[in-house]
Structure formats: C-alpha cells, structure tokens
Amino acid sequence: MNEIRNTPSVLSQLADAPWRTSTRSQTSNCVEVAPLRTDATAVRDSKDRGGPVLLFDRAGWLGFLSGAKSGQFDLS
C-alpha cells in the first residue's frame, strides 16, 4: 500500500463515496469498498463505518485483487 495523504480533497471524497459490499459477504464479517476520484480505492469495516479507512493507490489495489484471485491470502 502506497501512502495517500488525507487531504481535504480525499476527506470530502470519502463523505460522498459510493460504498459497496460484496453480495457474497456475511452479515457480520464485511468490508466496504469505494472508488475515489483521485484514482484511489478506499476500504472500511462495514460494522464501523465511522472508523478508520484504508486507502490504496491503483497499483496497490490491483495487486491486492490479483493476489486474492490467485489464492495468495487463503488461510488453508
């Protein structure tokens, strides 16, 4: 994850972000994802919508998606 500063522009985008939750998510173990206009992707815990947000630049987010699809993060 590359550093993305919490500038007023980023903070205003978070307030208006189109947050999405996977249709496969369970009711208690979910994250929400939102694309931002600054070409970043925001991720937060759906149980704590006012809590911390992780910001990924495009390369970091695409790397995460590639790793998840290839099973890099599987627990078993």
PDB file of N, CA and C in Angstrom:
ATOM      1  N   MET A   1       0.854  -1.172   0.000  1.00  0.00           N
ATOM      2  CA  MET A   1       0.000   0.000   0.000  1.00  0.00           C
ATOM      3  C   MET A   1       0.891   1.223   0.000  1.00  0.00           C
ATOM      4  N   ASN A   2       0.750   2.051  -1.002  1.00  0.00           N
ATOM      5  CA  ASN A   2       1.489   3.297  -1.061  1.00  0.00           C
ATOM      6  C   ASN A   2       0.760   4.356  -0.274  1.00  0.00           C
ATOM      7  N   GLU A   3       1.514   5.335   0.167  1.00  0.00           N
ATOM      8  CA  GLU A   3       0.925   6.361   1.024  1.00  0.00           C
ATOM      9  C   GLU A   3       0.080   7.336   0.219  1.00  0.00           C
ATOM     10  N   ILE A   4      -1.129   7.579   0.685  1.00  0.00           N
ATOM     11  CA  ILE A   4      -2.014   8.589   0.121  1.00  0.00           C
ATOM     12  C   ILE A   4      -2.393   9.503   1.269  1.00  0.00           C
ATOM     13  N   ARG A   5      -2.068  10.744   1.158  1.00  0.00           N
ATOM     14  CA  ARG A   5      -2.306  11.692   2.244  1.00  0.00           C
ATOM     15  C   ARG A   5      -3.791  12.004   2.414  1.00  0.00           C
ATOM     16  N   ASN A   6      -4.205  12.190   3.671  1.00  0.00           N
ATOM     17  CA  ASN A   6      -5.582  12.584   3.981  1.00  0.00           C
ATOM     18  C   ASN A   6      -5.729  14.089   3.790  1.00  0.00           C
ATOM     19  N   THR A   7      -5.821  14.505   2.561  1.00  0.00           N
ATOM     20  CA  THR A   7      -6.010  15.914   2.253  1.00  0.00           C
ATOM     21  C   THR A   7      -7.497  16.238   2.327  1.00  0.00           C
ATOM     22  N   PRO A   8      -7.846  17.527   2.392  1.00  0.00           N
ATOM     23  CA  PRO A   8      -9.277  17.872   2.390  1.00  0.00           C
ATOM     24  C   PRO A   8     -10.012  17.289   1.183  1.00  0.00           C
ATOM     25  N   SER A   9      -9.338  17.202   0.033  1.00  0.00           N
ATOM     26  CA  SER A   9      -9.964  16.625  -1.157  1.00  0.00           C
ATOM     27  C   SER A   9     -10.315  15.156  -0.939  1.00  0.00           C
ATOM     28  N   VAL A  10      -9.386  14.397  -0.365  1.00  0.00           N
ATOM     29  CA  VAL A  10      -9.641  12.973  -0.108  1.00  0.00           C
ATOM     30  C   VAL A  10     -10.744  12.819   0.928  1.00  0.00           C
ATOM     31  N   LEU A  11     -10.697  13.620   1.978  1.00  0.00           N
ATOM     32  CA  LEU A  11     -11.719  13.521   3.031  1.00  0.00           C
ATOM     33  C   LEU A  11     -13.110  13.837   2.490  1.00  0.00           C
ATOM     34  N   SER A  12     -13.235  14.824   1.619  1.00  0.00           N
ATOM     35  CA  SER A  12     -14.554  15.137   1.058  1.00  0.00           C
ATOM     36  C   SER A  12     -15.030  14.014   0.143  1.00  0.00           C
ATOM     37  N   GLN A  13     -14.097  13.356  -0.559  1.00  0.00           N
ATOM     38  CA  GLN A  13     -14.479  12.236  -1.409  1.00  0.00           C
ATOM     39  C   GLN A  13     -14.990  11.061  -0.587  1.00  0.00           C
ATOM     40  N   LEU A  14     -14.417  10.845   0.588  1.00  0.00           N
ATOM     41  CA  LEU A  14     -14.869   9.744   1.449  1.00  0.00           C
ATOM     42  C   LEU A  14     -16.308   9.963   1.901  1.00  0.00           C
ATOM     43  N   ALA A  15     -16.661  11.204   2.162  1.00  0.00           N
ATOM     44  CA  ALA A  15     -18.019  11.503   2.621  1.00  0.00           C
ATOM     45  C   ALA A  15     -19.049  11.194   1.546  1.00  0.00           C
ATOM     46  N   ASP A  16     -18.683  11.380   0.282  1.00  0.00           N
ATOM     47  CA  ASP A  16     -19.613  11.172  -0.834  1.00  0.00           C
ATOM     48  C   ASP A  16     -19.347   9.877  -1.596  1.00  0.00           C
ATOM     49  N   ALA A  17     -18.477   9.028  -1.078  1.00  0.00           N
ATOM     50  CA  ALA A  17     -18.054   7.832  -1.806  1.00  0.00           C
ATOM     51  C   ALA A  17     -19.200   6.841  -1.993  1.00  0.00           C
ATOM     52  N   PRO A  18     -19.236   6.182  -3.144  1.00  0.00           N
ATOM     53  CA  PRO A  18     -20.249   5.151  -3.402  1.00  0.00           C
ATOM     54  C   PRO A  18     -19.805   3.809  -2.818  1.00  0.00           C
ATOM     55  N   TRP A  19     -19.960   3.622  -1.523  1.00  0.00           N
ATOM     56  CA  TRP A  19     -19.505   2.406  -0.835  1.00  0.00           C
ATOM     57  C   TRP A  19     -20.296   1.196  -1.301  1.00  0.00           C
ATOM     58  N   ARG A  20     -19.586   0.076  -1.510  1.00  0.00           N
ATOM     59  CA  ARG A  20     -20.221  -1.178  -1.935  1.00  0.00           C
ATOM     60  C   ARG A  20     -19.747  -2.318  -1.046  1.00  0.00           C
ATOM     61  N   THR A  21     -20.639  -3.272  -0.823  1.00  0.00           N
ATOM     62  CA  THR A  21     -20.321  -4.501  -0.097  1.00  0.00           C
ATOM     63  C   THR A  21     -20.584  -5.667  -1.034  1.00  0.00           C
ATOM     64  N   SER A  22     -19.750  -6.664  -0.991  1.00  0.00           N
ATOM     65  CA  SER A  22     -19.919  -7.834  -1.848  1.00  0.00           C
ATOM     66  C   SER A  22     -21.254  -8.510  -1.579  1.00  0.00           C
ATOM     67  N   THR A  23     -21.866  -9.025  -2.621  1.00  0.00           N
ATOM     68  CA  THR A  23     -23.106  -9.785  -2.453  1.00  0.00           C
ATOM     69  C   THR A  23     -22.840 -11.118  -1.763  1.00  0.00           C
ATOM     70  N   ARG A  24     -21.584 -11.555  -1.716  1.00  0.00           N
ATOM     71  CA  ARG A  24     -21.225 -12.801  -1.047  1.00  0.00           C
ATOM     72  C   ARG A  24     -20.879 -12.602   0.419  1.00  0.00           C
ATOM     73  N   SER A  25     -20.864 -11.389   0.884  1.00  0.00           N
ATOM     74  CA  SER A  25     -20.451 -11.134   2.266  1.00  0.00           C
ATOM     75  C   SER A  25     -21.504 -11.618   3.250  1.00  0.00           C
ATOM     76  N   GLN A  26     -21.018 -11.960   4.438  1.00  0.00           N
ATOM     77  CA  GLN A  26     -21.914 -12.348   5.518  1.00  0.00           C
ATOM     78  C   GLN A  26     -22.321 -11.087   6.260  1.00  0.00           C
ATOM     79  N   THR A  27     -23.320 -11.194   7.114  1.00  0.00           N
ATOM     80  CA  THR A  27     -23.833 -10.000   7.781  1.00  0.00           C
ATOM     81  C   THR A  27     -22.873  -9.411   8.799  1.00  0.00           C
ATOM     82  N   SER A  28     -21.938 -10.180   9.337  1.00  0.00           N
ATOM     83  CA  SER A  28     -21.086  -9.644  10.400  1.00  0.00           C
ATOM     84  C   SER A  28     -19.608  -9.541  10.035  1.00  0.00           C
ATOM     85  N   ASN A  29     -19.194 -10.045   8.892  1.00  0.00           N
ATOM     86  CA  ASN A  29     -17.774 -10.040   8.528  1.00  0.00           C
ATOM     87  C   ASN A  29     -17.569  -9.399   7.163  1.00  0.00           C
ATOM     88  N   CYS A  30     -17.856  -8.119   7.052  1.00  0.00           N
ATOM     89  CA  CYS A  30     -17.821  -7.467   5.751  1.00  0.00           C
ATOM     90  C   CYS A  30     -16.878  -6.279   5.734  1.00  0.00           C
ATOM     91  N   VAL A  31     -16.368  -6.020   4.551  1.00  0.00           N
ATOM     92  CA  VAL A  31     -15.703  -4.757   4.296  1.00  0.00           C
ATOM     93  C   VAL A  31     -16.460  -4.079   3.171  1.00  0.00           C
ATOM     94  N   GLU A  32     -16.332  -2.776   3.114  1.00  0.00           N
ATOM     95  CA  GLU A  32     -16.935  -1.999   2.040  1.00  0.00           C
ATOM     96  C   GLU A  32     -15.815  -1.355   1.245  1.00  0.00           C
ATOM     97  N   VAL A  33     -16.029  -1.216  -0.046  1.00  0.00           N
ATOM     98  CA  VAL A  33     -15.027  -0.674  -0.954  1.00  0.00           C
ATOM     99  C   VAL A  33     -15.647   0.481  -1.723  1.00  0.00           C
ATOM    100  N   ALA A  34     -14.850   1.540  -1.948  1.00  0.00           N
ATOM    101  CA  ALA A  34     -15.343   2.671  -2.722  1.00  0.00           C
ATOM    102  C   ALA A  34     -14.218   3.212  -3.603  1.00  0.00           C
ATOM    103  N   PRO A  35     -14.485   3.370  -4.903  1.00  0.00           N
ATOM    104  CA  PRO A  35     -13.509   4.035  -5.765  1.00  0.00           C
ATOM    105  C   PRO A  35     -13.584   5.539  -5.512  1.00  0.00           C
ATOM    106  N   LEU A  36     -12.442   6.205  -5.531  1.00  0.00           N
ATOM    107  CA  LEU A  36     -12.401   7.652  -5.326  1.00  0.00           C
ATOM    108  C   LEU A  36     -11.975   8.340  -6.618  1.00  0.00           C
ATOM    109  N   ARG A  37     -12.319   9.602  -6.756  1.00  0.00           N
ATOM    110  CA  ARG A  37     -11.975  10.356  -7.964  1.00  0.00           C
ATOM    111  C   ARG A  37     -10.466  10.544  -8.119  1.00  0.00           C
ATOM    112  N   THR A  38      -9.714  10.412  -7.045  1.00  0.00           N
ATOM    113  CA  THR A  38      -8.259  10.593  -7.109  1.00  0.00           C
ATOM    114  C   THR A  38      -7.549   9.344  -7.579  1.00  0.00           C
ATOM    115  N   ASP A  39      -8.276   8.405  -8.178  1.00  0.00           N
ATOM    116  CA  ASP A  39      -7.728   7.140  -8.667  1.00  0.00           C
ATOM    117  C   ASP A  39      -7.235   6.268  -7.523  1.00  0.00           C
ATOM    118  N   ALA A  40      -7.848   6.423  -6.370  1.00  0.00           N
ATOM    119  CA  ALA A  40      -7.549   5.588  -5.204  1.00  0.00           C
ATOM    120  C   ALA A  40      -8.780   4.746  -4.893  1.00  0.00           C
ATOM    121  N   THR A  41      -8.575   3.709  -4.085  1.00  0.00           N
ATOM    122  CA  THR A  41      -9.676   2.870  -3.618  1.00  0.00           C
ATOM    123  C   THR A  41      -9.669   2.893  -2.101  1.00  0.00           C
ATOM    124  N   ALA A  42     -10.833   3.118  -1.515  1.00  0.00           N
ATOM    125  CA  ALA A  42     -10.982   3.163  -0.063  1.00  0.00           C
ATOM    126  C   ALA A  42     -11.644   1.876   0.417  1.00  0.00           C
ATOM    127  N   VAL A  43     -11.195   1.373   1.583  1.00  0.00           N
ATOM    128  CA  VAL A  43     -11.739   0.155   2.175  1.00  0.00           C
ATOM    129  C   VAL A  43     -12.017   0.432   3.649  1.00  0.00           C
ATOM    130  N   ARG A  44     -13.194   0.011   4.126  1.00  0.00           N
ATOM    131  CA  ARG A  44     -13.537   0.193   5.542  1.00  0.00           C
ATOM    132  C   ARG A  44     -14.327  -1.013   6.037  1.00  0.00           C
ATOM    133  N   ASP A  45     -14.405  -1.124   7.357  1.00  0.00           N
ATOM    134  CA  ASP A  45     -15.165  -2.174   8.022  1.00  0.00           C
ATOM    135  C   ASP A  45     -16.634  -1.765   8.023  1.00  0.00           C
ATOM    136  N   SER A  46     -17.505  -2.633   7.528  1.00  0.00           N
ATOM    137  CA  SER A  46     -18.924  -2.276   7.450  1.00  0.00           C
ATOM    138  C   SER A  46     -19.581  -2.155   8.823  1.00  0.00           C
ATOM    139  N   LYS A  47     -18.962  -2.744   9.852  1.00  0.00           N
ATOM    140  CA  LYS A  47     -19.524  -2.630  11.208  1.00  0.00           C
ATOM    141  C   LYS A  47     -19.123  -1.324  11.881  1.00  0.00           C
ATOM    142  N   ASP A  48     -18.120  -0.631  11.317  1.00  0.00           N
ATOM    143  CA  ASP A  48     -17.623   0.605  11.910  1.00  0.00           C
ATOM    144  C   ASP A  48     -17.442   1.642  10.810  1.00  0.00           C
ATOM    145  N   ARG A  49     -18.542   2.085  10.241  1.00  0.00           N
ATOM    146  CA  ARG A  49     -18.494   2.987   9.087  1.00  0.00           C
ATOM    147  C   ARG A  49     -17.875   4.343   9.398  1.00  0.00           C
ATOM    148  N   GLY A  50     -17.829   4.711  10.641  1.00  0.00           N
ATOM    149  CA  GLY A  50     -17.188   5.965  11.026  1.00  0.00           C
ATOM    150  C   GLY A  50     -15.747   5.768  11.441  1.00  0.00           C
ATOM    151  N   GLY A  51     -15.269   4.537  11.376  1.00  0.00           N
ATOM    152  CA  GLY A  51     -13.916   4.211  11.825  1.00  0.00           C
ATOM    153  C   GLY A  51     -12.869   4.446  10.760  1.00  0.00           C
ATOM    154  N   PRO A  52     -11.711   3.826  10.930  1.00  0.00           N
ATOM    155  CA  PRO A  52     -10.603   4.046  10.007  1.00  0.00           C
ATOM    156  C   PRO A  52     -10.889   3.533   8.596  1.00  0.00           C
ATOM    157  N   VAL A  53     -10.230   4.163   7.642  1.00  0.00           N
ATOM    158  CA  VAL A  53     -10.354   3.801   6.230  1.00  0.00           C
ATOM    159  C   VAL A  53      -8.953   3.557   5.681  1.00  0.00           C
ATOM    160  N   LEU A  54      -8.793   2.468   4.957  1.00  0.00           N
ATOM    161  CA  LEU A  54      -7.537   2.194   4.264  1.00  0.00           C
ATOM    162  C   LEU A  54      -7.641   2.755   2.851  1.00  0.00           C
ATOM    163  N   LEU A  55      -6.592   3.432   2.400  1.00  0.00           N
ATOM    164  CA  LEU A  55      -6.562   3.977   1.046  1.00  0.00           C
ATOM    165  C   LEU A  55      -5.470   3.280   0.248  1.00  0.00           C
ATOM    166  N   PHE A  56      -5.830   2.787  -0.929  1.00  0.00           N
ATOM    167  CA  PHE A  56      -4.892   2.109  -1.812  1.00  0.00           C
ATOM    168  C   PHE A  56      -4.791   2.889  -3.115  1.00  0.00           C
ATOM    169  N   ASP A  57      -3.557   3.087  -3.603  1.00  0.00           N
ATOM    170  CA  ASP A  57      -3.432   3.652  -4.939  1.00  0.00           C
ATOM    171  C   ASP A  57      -3.806   2.563  -5.944  1.00  0.00           C
ATOM    172  N   ARG A  58      -3.892   2.926  -7.208  1.00  0.00           N
ATOM    173  CA  ARG A  58      -4.358   1.980  -8.234  1.00  0.00           C
ATOM    174  C   ARG A  58      -3.492   0.722  -8.287  1.00  0.00           C
ATOM    175  N   ALA A  59      -2.174   0.881  -8.291  1.00  0.00           N
ATOM    176  CA  ALA A  59      -1.281  -0.280  -8.379  1.00  0.00           C
ATOM    177  C   ALA A  59      -1.430  -1.184  -7.159  1.00  0.00           C
ATOM    178  N   GLY A  60      -1.558  -0.597  -5.975  1.00  0.00           N
ATOM    179  CA  GLY A  60      -1.722  -1.389  -4.759  1.00  0.00           C
ATOM    180  C   GLY A  60      -3.022  -2.161  -4.752  1.00  0.00           C
ATOM    181  N   TRP A  61      -4.098  -1.529  -5.198  1.00  0.00           N
ATOM    182  CA  TRP A  61      -5.408  -2.196  -5.224  1.00  0.00           C
ATOM    183  C   TRP A  61      -5.419  -3.327  -6.249  1.00  0.00           C
ATOM    184  N   LEU A  62      -4.870  -3.071  -7.443  1.00  0.00           N
ATOM    185  CA  LEU A  62      -4.831  -4.123  -8.458  1.00  0.00           C
ATOM    186  C   LEU A  62      -3.951  -5.285  -8.013  1.00  0.00           C
ATOM    187  N   GLY A  63      -2.871  -4.997  -7.298  1.00  0.00           N
ATOM    188  CA  GLY A  63      -2.019  -6.055  -6.759  1.00  0.00           C
ATOM    189  C   GLY A  63      -2.751  -6.902  -5.732  1.00  0.00           C
ATOM    190  N   PHE A  64      -3.528  -6.239  -4.874  1.00  0.00           N
ATOM    191  CA  PHE A  64      -4.320  -6.976  -3.887  1.00  0.00           C
ATOM    192  C   PHE A  64      -5.344  -7.876  -4.577  1.00  0.00           C
ATOM    193  N   LEU A  65      -6.072  -7.328  -5.552  1.00  0.00           N
ATOM    194  CA  LEU A  65      -7.071  -8.132  -6.266  1.00  0.00           C
ATOM    195  C   LEU A  65      -6.437  -9.332  -6.955  1.00  0.00           C
ATOM    196  N   SER A  66      -5.292  -9.130  -7.565  1.00  0.00           N
ATOM    197  CA  SER A  66      -4.596 -10.231  -8.231  1.00  0.00           C
ATOM    198  C   SER A  66      -4.200 -11.308  -7.225  1.00  0.00           C
ATOM    199  N   GLY A  67      -3.668 -10.902  -6.071  1.00  0.00           N
ATOM    200  CA  GLY A  67      -3.293 -11.860  -5.031  1.00  0.00           C
ATOM    201  C   GLY A  67      -4.487 -12.604  -4.481  1.00  0.00           C
ATOM    202  N   ALA A  68      -5.600 -11.900  -4.290  1.00  0.00           N
ATOM    203  CA  ALA A  68      -6.809 -12.554  -3.758  1.00  0.00           C
ATOM    204  C   ALA A  68      -7.339 -13.583  -4.759  1.00  0.00           C
ATOM    205  N   LYS A  69      -7.342 -13.229  -6.031  1.00  0.00           N
ATOM    206  CA  LYS A  69      -7.844 -14.157  -7.055  1.00  0.00           C
ATOM    207  C   LYS A  69      -6.962 -15.387  -7.204  1.00  0.00           C
ATOM    208  N   SER A  70      -5.668 -15.217  -6.968  1.00  0.00           N
ATOM    209  CA  SER A  70      -4.750 -16.349  -7.144  1.00  0.00           C
ATOM    210  C   SER A  70      -4.619 -17.203  -5.874  1.00  0.00           C
ATOM    211  N   GLY A  71      -5.322 -16.815  -4.787  1.00  0.00           N
ATOM    212  CA  GLY A  71      -5.291 -17.597  -3.550  1.00  0.00           C
ATOM    213  C   GLY A  71      -4.173 -17.248  -2.611  1.00  0.00           C
ATOM    214  N   GLN A  72      -3.460 -16.162  -2.875  1.00  0.00           N
ATOM    215  CA  GLN A  72      -2.323 -15.760  -2.062  1.00  0.00           C
ATOM    216  C   GLN A  72      -2.691 -15.545  -0.593  1.00  0.00           C
ATOM    217  N   PHE A  73      -3.923 -15.163  -0.302  1.00  0.00           N
ATOM    218  CA  PHE A  73      -4.331 -14.844   1.052  1.00  0.00           C
ATOM    219  C   PHE A  73      -5.216 -15.914   1.692  1.00  0.00           C
ATOM    220  N   ASP A  74      -5.386 -17.052   1.012  1.00  0.00           N
ATOM    221  CA  ASP A  74      -6.213 -18.131   1.557  1.00  0.00           C
ATOM    222  C   ASP A  74      -5.594 -18.648   2.856  1.00  0.00           C
ATOM    223  N   LEU A  75      -6.428 -18.946   3.837  1.00  0.00           N
ATOM    224  CA  LEU A  75      -5.949 -19.410   5.139  1.00  0.00           C
ATOM    225  C   LEU A  75      -5.646 -20.903   5.158  1.00  0.00           C
ATOM    226  N   SER A  76      -6.216 -21.648   4.263  1.00  0.00           N
ATOM    227  CA  SER A  76      -5.977 -23.102   4.287  1.00  0.00           C
ATOM    228  C   SER A  76      -4.974 -23.523   3.260  1.00  0.00           C
TER     229      SER A  76
END
